[in-house]
Amino acid sequence: MSRFRVEVLVTPRPGLLDPEGGAIHHALASLGYDEVAEVRVGKAIYLEVAADSAAAAAARVEESCRKLLANPVTEDFAVTVRGEA
């Protein structure tokens, strides 16, 4: 069994209010960064997972996202296996 480094990016679903992203967008505009059209704030989660393969590690982490790491009503997630640890 190998250990894999897995990255999970959790982001608010498109169209849903993102107050933190809105506040950052407003602050950037007030500092002169008018070219920034939109800001969405999410979270990154890094895991080290023991599994027989990268695909098995990804499947296990996706399952944990659906159960705990991401809110299925308001958030989307992307799982990427970054390689062996």
C-alpha atoms as a PDB file:
ATOM      1  CA  MET A   1       0.000   0.000   0.000  1.00  0.00           C
ATOM      2  CA  SER A   2       1.313   3.460  -0.924  1.00  0.00           C
ATOM      3  CA  ARG A   3       0.669   6.898   0.513  1.00  0.00           C
ATOM      4  CA  PHE A   4      -0.648   9.616  -1.793  1.00  0.00           C
ATOM      5  CA  ARG A   5      -0.741  13.382  -1.429  1.00  0.00           C
ATOM      6  CA  VAL A   6      -4.245  14.564  -2.288  1.00  0.00           C
ATOM      7  CA  GLU A   7      -5.464  18.129  -2.719  1.00  0.00           C
ATOM      8  CA  VAL A   8      -9.124  19.076  -2.301  1.00  0.00           C
ATOM      9  CA  LEU A   9     -10.357  22.480  -3.481  1.00  0.00           C
ATOM     10  CA  VAL A  10     -13.755  23.446  -2.085  1.00  0.00           C
ATOM     11  CA  THR A  11     -15.501  26.432  -3.673  1.00  0.00           C
ATOM     12  CA  PRO A  12     -18.889  28.096  -3.317  1.00  0.00           C
ATOM     13  CA  ARG A  13     -21.317  27.076  -6.024  1.00  0.00           C
ATOM     14  CA  PRO A  14     -21.738  29.590  -8.855  1.00  0.00           C
ATOM     15  CA  GLY A  15     -24.601  31.987  -8.288  1.00  0.00           C
ATOM     16  CA  LEU A  16     -24.549  31.649  -4.504  1.00  0.00           C
ATOM     17  CA  LEU A  17     -23.694  34.629  -2.346  1.00  0.00           C
ATOM     18  CA  ASP A  18     -20.039  34.748  -1.285  1.00  0.00           C
ATOM     19  CA  PRO A  19     -19.742  37.562   1.301  1.00  0.00           C
ATOM     20  CA  GLU A  20     -16.018  37.024   1.892  1.00  0.00           C
ATOM     21  CA  GLY A  21     -15.308  37.091  -1.843  1.00  0.00           C
ATOM     22  CA  GLY A  22     -17.429  40.240  -2.178  1.00  0.00           C
ATOM     23  CA  ALA A  23     -15.511  41.979   0.612  1.00  0.00           C
ATOM     24  CA  ILE A  24     -12.163  41.097  -0.975  1.00  0.00           C
ATOM     25  CA  HIS A  25     -13.402  42.260  -4.382  1.00  0.00           C
ATOM     26  CA  HIS A  26     -14.494  45.593  -2.909  1.00  0.00           C
ATOM     27  CA  ALA A  27     -11.143  46.010  -1.112  1.00  0.00           C
ATOM     28  CA  LEU A  28      -9.181  45.232  -4.282  1.00  0.00           C
ATOM     29  CA  ALA A  29     -11.232  47.787  -6.235  1.00  0.00           C
ATOM     30  CA  SER A  30     -10.585  50.441  -3.563  1.00  0.00           C
ATOM     31  CA  LEU A  31      -6.840  49.739  -3.893  1.00  0.00           C
ATOM     32  CA  GLY A  32      -6.994  50.314  -7.646  1.00  0.00           C
ATOM     33  CA  TYR A  33      -7.264  46.725  -8.885  1.00  0.00           C
ATOM     34  CA  ASP A  34     -10.266  47.481 -11.084  1.00  0.00           C
ATOM     35  CA  GLU A  35      -9.382  44.735 -13.554  1.00  0.00           C
ATOM     36  CA  VAL A  36     -10.467  42.065 -11.035  1.00  0.00           C
ATOM     37  CA  ALA A  37     -13.962  41.112 -12.204  1.00  0.00           C
ATOM     38  CA  GLU A  38     -14.941  38.638  -9.471  1.00  0.00           C
ATOM     39  CA  VAL A  39     -13.547  37.016  -6.337  1.00  0.00           C
ATOM     40  CA  ARG A  40     -14.716  33.679  -4.930  1.00  0.00           C
ATOM     41  CA  VAL A  41     -13.222  32.395  -1.680  1.00  0.00           C
ATOM     42  CA  GLY A  42     -12.980  28.709  -0.953  1.00  0.00           C
ATOM     43  CA  LYS A  43     -10.672  26.437   0.942  1.00  0.00           C
ATOM     44  CA  ALA A  44      -7.857  24.041   0.155  1.00  0.00           C
ATOM     45  CA  ILE A  45      -7.466  20.806   2.105  1.00  0.00           C
ATOM     46  CA  TYR A  46      -4.338  18.662   1.823  1.00  0.00           C
ATOM     47  CA  LEU A  47      -4.468  15.006   2.825  1.00  0.00           C
ATOM     48  CA  GLU A  48      -2.009  12.131   2.873  1.00  0.00           C
ATOM     49  CA  VAL A  49      -3.928   8.935   2.135  1.00  0.00           C
ATOM     50  CA  ALA A  50      -2.833   5.297   2.247  1.00  0.00           C
ATOM     51  CA  ALA A  51      -4.298   3.387  -0.705  1.00  0.00           C
ATOM     52  CA  ASP A  52      -3.472   0.696  -3.254  1.00  0.00           C
ATOM     53  CA  SER A  53      -3.565   3.185  -6.152  1.00  0.00           C
ATOM     54  CA  ALA A  54      -4.009   6.859  -6.962  1.00  0.00           C
ATOM     55  CA  ALA A  55      -7.515   6.120  -8.235  1.00  0.00           C
ATOM     56  CA  ALA A  56      -8.429   4.401  -4.964  1.00  0.00           C
ATOM     57  CA  ALA A  57      -7.062   7.346  -2.974  1.00  0.00           C
ATOM     58  CA  ALA A  58      -9.078   9.801  -5.087  1.00  0.00           C
ATOM     59  CA  ALA A  59     -12.262   7.743  -4.705  1.00  0.00           C
ATOM     60  CA  ARG A  60     -11.862   7.567  -0.932  1.00  0.00           C
ATOM     61  CA  VAL A  61     -11.260  11.319  -0.646  1.00  0.00           C
ATOM     62  CA  GLU A  62     -14.242  12.083  -2.913  1.00  0.00           C
ATOM     63  CA  GLU A  63     -16.388   9.996  -0.571  1.00  0.00           C
ATOM     64  CA  SER A  64     -15.111  11.994   2.425  1.00  0.00           C
ATOM     65  CA  CYS A  65     -15.928  15.230   0.590  1.00  0.00           C
ATOM     66  CA  ARG A  66     -19.517  14.158   0.068  1.00  0.00           C
ATOM     67  CA  LYS A  67     -19.847  13.164   3.738  1.00  0.00           C
ATOM     68  CA  LEU A  68     -17.834  15.842   5.559  1.00  0.00           C
ATOM     69  CA  LEU A  69     -15.356  18.090   3.767  1.00  0.00           C
ATOM     70  CA  ALA A  70     -17.787  19.970   1.488  1.00  0.00           C
ATOM     71  CA  ASN A  71     -21.373  21.087   1.978  1.00  0.00           C
ATOM     72  CA  PRO A  72     -23.224  19.426  -0.939  1.00  0.00           C
ATOM     73  CA  VAL A  73     -25.895  22.142  -0.976  1.00  0.00           C
ATOM     74  CA  THR A  74     -23.632  25.190  -1.250  1.00  0.00           C
ATOM     75  CA  GLU A  75     -20.183  23.979  -2.322  1.00  0.00           C
ATOM     76  CA  ASP A  76     -18.446  22.169  -5.150  1.00  0.00           C
ATOM     77  CA  PHE A  77     -15.165  20.296  -4.759  1.00  0.00           C
ATOM     78  CA  ALA A  78     -12.302  19.081  -6.925  1.00  0.00           C
ATOM     79  CA  VAL A  79      -9.961  16.263  -5.884  1.00  0.00           C
ATOM     80  CA  THR A  80      -6.454  16.005  -7.332  1.00  0.00           C
ATOM     81  CA  VAL A  81      -3.914  13.326  -6.473  1.00  0.00           C
ATOM     82  CA  ARG A  82      -0.545  15.120  -6.461  1.00  0.00           C
ATOM     83  CA  GLY A  83       1.616  12.000  -6.349  1.00  0.00           C
ATOM     84  CA  GLU A  84       3.072   9.584  -3.871  1.00  0.00           C
ATOM     85  CA  ALA A  85       4.062  10.955  -0.477  1.00  0.00           C
END
